[in-house]
Amino acid sequence: MRALTKKQKSLLKKWFEESKHKEPWDCFYTYDITSVDDLTVEQFEKLQEINDTEILYQEVDRYLDDLHSKTY
């Protein structure tokens, strides 16, 4: 399977939401996780354990970019 599984998407969305924070002077939320490069090694390994594919890196990056784009 080449696409992300529901479980992988769920984890990514959870980690994305957990990385949300807002500075007192800012009216918008900021996210610490907006690309695959922002994930920890452990987080990426967890995604690999679920379903490792040759395009996992790109799929995760695209999904996180889509999540971030939808917040604005």
Protein backbone atom coordinates (compact mmCIF):
# COMPACT_ATOMS: atom_id res chain seq x y z
CA MET A 1 0.00 0.00 0.00
CA ARG A 2 1.50 3.34 -1.04
CA ALA A 3 -0.85 5.81 0.63
CA LEU A 4 -0.94 6.63 4.32
CA THR A 5 -3.17 4.40 6.42
CA LYS A 6 -5.93 5.74 8.65
CA LYS A 7 -3.80 4.96 11.69
CA GLN A 8 -0.85 6.93 10.29
CA LYS A 9 -3.08 9.88 9.42
CA SER A 10 -4.60 9.78 12.88
CA LEU A 11 -1.19 9.87 14.53
CA LEU A 12 0.00 12.69 12.31
CA LYS A 13 -3.09 14.74 13.03
CA LYS A 14 -2.69 14.10 16.77
CA TRP A 15 0.97 15.15 16.76
CA PHE A 16 0.15 18.18 14.63
CA GLU A 17 -2.57 19.32 17.03
CA GLU A 18 -0.36 18.68 20.06
CA SER A 19 2.30 20.95 18.56
CA LYS A 20 -0.14 23.88 18.40
CA HIS A 21 0.58 26.87 20.60
CA LYS A 22 -0.26 30.53 20.70
CA GLU A 23 1.90 33.37 21.90
CA PRO A 24 0.09 35.91 24.14
CA TRP A 25 0.71 38.76 21.70
CA ASP A 26 -0.31 36.80 18.61
CA CYS A 27 -3.83 36.20 17.35
CA PHE A 28 -2.90 33.06 15.37
CA TYR A 29 -1.78 29.63 16.44
CA THR A 30 1.65 28.36 15.50
CA TYR A 31 2.55 24.74 14.91
CA ASP A 32 5.89 23.16 15.70
CA ILE A 33 5.18 20.28 13.33
CA THR A 34 4.48 21.41 9.78
CA SER A 35 6.67 19.05 7.78
CA VAL A 36 8.19 15.61 8.00
CA ASP A 37 11.49 17.17 9.08
CA ASP A 38 9.83 18.41 12.28
CA LEU A 39 8.98 14.90 13.46
CA THR A 40 11.20 13.14 15.95
CA VAL A 41 13.05 10.01 14.91
CA GLU A 42 10.75 8.00 17.18
CA GLN A 43 7.63 9.44 15.58
CA PHE A 44 8.83 8.64 12.07
CA GLU A 45 9.85 5.13 13.12
CA LYS A 46 6.34 4.60 14.53
CA LEU A 47 4.90 5.52 11.12
CA GLN A 48 7.33 3.10 9.46
CA GLU A 49 6.26 0.29 11.81
CA ILE A 50 2.65 0.76 10.75
CA ASN A 51 3.26 0.85 7.00
CA ASP A 52 6.69 1.46 5.51
CA THR A 53 6.75 2.38 1.83
CA GLU A 54 9.34 3.84 -0.50
CA ILE A 55 7.41 7.13 -0.60
CA LEU A 56 6.51 7.39 3.09
CA TYR A 57 8.67 10.48 3.59
CA GLN A 58 6.95 12.35 0.75
CA GLU A 59 3.45 11.22 1.76
CA VAL A 60 3.95 12.33 5.36
CA ASP A 61 5.33 15.68 4.24
CA ARG A 62 2.40 16.23 1.87
CA TYR A 63 -0.16 15.29 4.53
CA LEU A 64 1.37 17.62 7.13
CA ASP A 65 1.50 20.42 4.57
CA ASP A 66 -2.19 19.88 3.82
CA LEU A 67 -3.04 20.01 7.53
CA HIS A 68 -1.08 23.20 7.96
CA SER A 69 -2.66 24.79 4.88
CA LYS A 70 -6.15 24.09 6.19
CA THR A 71 -5.48 26.04 9.40
CA TYR A 72 -5.17 29.35 7.58
